[in-house]
């Protein structure tokens, strides 16, 4: 998938655990895990806004587009 989720990077930078973020955002840890692993098909703007507010970041800090024909950056 060309959209990469870098939520783990932001959590590490903010020294925050996934369950703490889930509590503050108001989503389940299971749904946060689905988002972190890139298995989510969609994200609500309200959820994205809440994550950015809690982590004090921009959407581009946690999501990245990589064209499928580009070499893998991971």
Protein backbone atom coordinates (compact mmCIF):
# COMPACT_ATOMS: atom_id res chain seq x y z
CA UNK A 1 0.00 0.00 0.00
CA UNK A 2 1.46 3.38 -0.93
CA UNK A 3 0.35 5.06 2.35
CA UNK A 4 2.75 4.26 5.17
CA UNK A 5 1.74 4.89 8.79
CA UNK A 6 4.63 6.09 10.99
CA UNK A 7 2.63 6.23 14.21
CA UNK A 8 5.24 4.18 16.11
CA UNK A 9 7.86 6.81 15.30
CA UNK A 10 5.74 9.63 16.74
CA UNK A 11 4.86 7.56 19.81
CA UNK A 12 8.55 6.94 20.44
CA UNK A 13 9.41 10.63 19.96
CA UNK A 14 6.70 11.59 22.47
CA UNK A 15 7.66 8.75 24.85
CA UNK A 16 4.07 7.57 24.84
CA UNK A 17 2.63 4.05 24.81
CA UNK A 18 -0.08 2.92 22.43
CA UNK A 19 -2.62 2.28 25.18
CA UNK A 20 -2.11 5.81 26.55
CA UNK A 21 -2.70 7.31 23.10
CA UNK A 22 -5.79 5.15 22.57
CA UNK A 23 -7.22 6.33 25.91
CA UNK A 24 -6.55 9.99 25.17
CA UNK A 25 -7.95 9.76 21.62
CA UNK A 26 -10.97 7.68 22.62
CA UNK A 27 -10.42 4.62 20.44
CA UNK A 28 -9.76 1.02 21.35
CA UNK A 29 -6.22 -0.31 21.49
CA UNK A 30 -7.29 -2.88 18.87
CA UNK A 31 -8.31 -0.14 16.43
CA UNK A 32 -5.10 1.77 17.12
CA UNK A 33 -3.13 -1.41 16.44
CA UNK A 34 -4.93 -1.85 13.10
CA UNK A 35 -3.99 1.72 12.21
CA UNK A 36 -0.35 1.31 13.32
CA UNK A 37 0.16 -1.86 11.30
CA UNK A 38 -1.21 -0.27 8.13
CA UNK A 39 -4.16 -2.66 7.94
CA UNK A 40 -6.75 0.12 8.23
CA UNK A 41 -8.64 0.93 5.05
CA UNK A 42 -9.71 4.38 6.29
CA UNK A 43 -9.38 6.82 9.17
CA UNK A 44 -11.92 9.40 10.29
CA UNK A 45 -10.74 12.97 10.17
CA UNK A 46 -11.91 13.37 13.77
CA UNK A 47 -9.65 10.48 14.82
CA UNK A 48 -6.72 11.85 12.83
CA UNK A 49 -7.30 15.28 14.37
CA UNK A 50 -7.38 13.81 17.88
CA UNK A 51 -4.17 11.84 17.29
CA UNK A 52 -2.41 14.94 15.97
CA UNK A 53 -3.67 17.01 18.91
CA UNK A 54 -2.46 14.49 21.50
CA UNK A 55 0.90 13.91 19.79
CA UNK A 56 1.30 17.61 18.90
CA UNK A 57 2.10 16.80 15.29
CA UNK A 58 0.82 17.22 11.74
CA UNK A 59 -0.88 14.46 9.71
CA UNK A 60 2.22 14.28 7.51
CA UNK A 61 4.26 13.36 10.57
CA UNK A 62 2.37 10.08 10.92
CA UNK A 63 1.38 9.33 7.32
CA UNK A 64 3.61 9.11 4.26
CA UNK A 65 2.89 8.44 0.60
CA UNK A 66 5.29 6.24 -1.33
CA UNK A 67 4.52 5.58 -4.98
CA UNK A 68 4.35 1.89 -5.78
CA UNK A 69 7.00 2.19 -8.50
CA UNK A 70 9.54 3.78 -6.11
CA UNK A 71 12.12 1.61 -4.39
CA UNK A 72 11.11 0.51 -0.91
CA UNK A 73 12.25 3.11 1.65
CA UNK A 74 11.65 0.81 4.62
